[in-house]
Amino acid sequence: CLGAGGRCTQEACVMAHTCHATGCAREIPPSLFMCRLHWYSLPLPLRNRIWATYREGQEDDKQPSREYCEVAIECVRFVAAQEGREPDIRLYERYAPEEEA
């Protein structure tokens, strides 16, 4: 992990956290779900459901609830549909696998 000046630093080794919208590479604080642009493109009921299912510290222990992941999938799909993209929900599938048809 190389930081500024090509030196190995602990800060450089920390994984960057980006917006969860498909194709968005904006870096955001780990406690946030999406960048400002994508967050406010979500309908208020979806934003409220993300906050209602969020547990403080889940970004650190990597243990979000199934309910949180289900809402996150809805949000990612909503934004992808607005932008004409195929949603990338792989991150959440291990926590909230889709029902078998």
Protein backbone atom coordinates (compact mmCIF):
# COMPACT_ATOMS: atom_id res chain seq x y z
CA CYS A 1 0.00 0.00 0.00
CA LEU A 2 1.66 3.16 -1.15
CA GLY A 3 0.68 6.59 0.03
CA ALA A 4 1.96 10.01 -0.98
CA GLY A 5 5.55 9.95 -2.10
CA GLY A 6 5.43 6.19 -2.68
CA ARG A 7 5.71 5.37 1.03
CA CYS A 8 3.72 2.60 2.69
CA THR A 9 1.22 4.09 5.12
CA GLN A 10 -1.64 2.62 7.11
CA GLU A 11 -3.99 5.27 5.69
CA ALA A 12 -3.13 4.18 2.15
CA CYS A 13 -4.01 0.58 3.03
CA VAL A 14 -7.53 1.44 4.19
CA MET A 15 -10.04 0.55 1.51
CA ALA A 16 -11.74 3.56 0.01
CA HIS A 17 -15.51 3.66 0.45
CA THR A 18 -17.44 4.77 -2.58
CA CYS A 19 -21.06 5.53 -3.36
CA HIS A 20 -23.13 2.36 -3.67
CA ALA A 21 -24.83 3.54 -6.86
CA THR A 22 -23.78 1.34 -9.78
CA GLY A 23 -20.93 2.96 -11.68
CA CYS A 24 -20.37 5.82 -9.21
CA ALA A 25 -16.79 6.15 -7.97
CA ARG A 26 -17.29 9.14 -5.66
CA GLU A 27 -15.54 8.57 -2.33
CA ILE A 28 -17.76 9.09 0.69
CA PRO A 29 -17.47 8.46 4.45
CA PRO A 30 -18.01 4.75 5.28
CA SER A 31 -21.13 5.54 7.33
CA LEU A 32 -22.88 6.94 4.26
CA PHE A 33 -24.68 4.84 1.68
CA MET A 34 -24.53 7.05 -1.41
CA CYS A 35 -23.01 10.32 -2.53
CA ARG A 36 -25.20 13.41 -2.20
CA LEU A 37 -26.30 13.32 -5.85
CA HIS A 38 -27.49 9.72 -5.74
CA TRP A 39 -28.85 9.88 -2.18
CA TYR A 40 -31.19 12.73 -3.04
CA SER A 41 -32.28 11.02 -6.23
CA LEU A 42 -33.90 8.34 -4.05
CA PRO A 43 -37.51 8.85 -2.98
CA LEU A 44 -37.80 9.90 0.66
CA PRO A 45 -39.45 6.61 1.72
CA LEU A 46 -36.39 4.65 0.48
CA ARG A 47 -34.00 7.03 2.24
CA ASN A 48 -36.00 6.66 5.43
CA ARG A 49 -35.92 2.86 5.16
CA ILE A 50 -32.13 2.85 4.75
CA TRP A 51 -31.75 4.88 7.95
CA ALA A 52 -34.35 2.79 9.79
CA THR A 53 -32.44 -0.42 9.05
CA TYR A 54 -28.92 1.00 9.47
CA ARG A 55 -27.02 -0.10 12.59
CA GLU A 56 -24.19 2.09 13.81
CA GLY A 57 -20.90 0.29 13.26
CA GLN A 58 -22.09 -2.05 10.50
CA GLU A 59 -19.62 -0.42 8.14
CA ASP A 60 -16.83 -1.47 10.51
CA ASP A 61 -17.83 -5.03 11.37
CA LYS A 62 -19.24 -5.75 7.88
CA GLN A 63 -22.39 -7.27 9.38
CA PRO A 64 -25.38 -5.36 7.98
CA SER A 65 -28.78 -6.86 8.67
CA ARG A 66 -30.72 -8.75 6.03
CA GLU A 67 -33.35 -5.98 6.17
CA TYR A 68 -30.75 -3.30 5.47
CA CYS A 69 -29.41 -5.26 2.50
CA GLU A 70 -32.90 -5.77 1.08
CA VAL A 71 -33.52 -2.01 1.18
CA ALA A 72 -30.04 -1.32 -0.22
CA ILE A 73 -30.83 -3.58 -3.18
CA GLU A 74 -34.03 -1.61 -3.83
CA CYS A 75 -32.09 1.65 -3.71
CA VAL A 76 -29.33 0.47 -6.04
CA ARG A 77 -31.94 -0.83 -8.48
CA PHE A 78 -33.90 2.44 -8.33
CA VAL A 79 -30.86 4.60 -9.15
CA ALA A 80 -29.66 2.19 -11.86
CA ALA A 81 -33.08 2.31 -13.51
CA GLN A 82 -33.02 6.13 -13.45
CA GLU A 83 -29.60 6.09 -15.12
CA GLY A 84 -30.33 3.29 -17.60
CA ARG A 85 -27.77 0.96 -16.02
CA GLU A 86 -27.82 -2.69 -15.05
CA PRO A 87 -27.75 -2.66 -11.22
CA ASP A 88 -24.75 -4.22 -9.50
CA ILE A 89 -26.11 -5.80 -6.32
CA ARG A 90 -23.42 -8.46 -5.81
CA LEU A 91 -22.29 -6.83 -2.57
CA TYR A 92 -25.67 -7.50 -0.97
CA GLU A 93 -26.46 -10.91 -2.40
CA ARG A 94 -24.45 -12.74 0.25
CA TYR A 95 -26.53 -11.06 2.96
CA ALA A 96 -29.94 -11.07 1.27
CA PRO A 97 -30.00 -13.66 -1.51
CA GLU A 98 -32.85 -13.29 -3.95
CA GLU A 99 -35.65 -15.78 -3.65
CA GLU A 100 -35.45 -18.78 -5.97
CA ALA A 101 -38.02 -18.66 -8.77
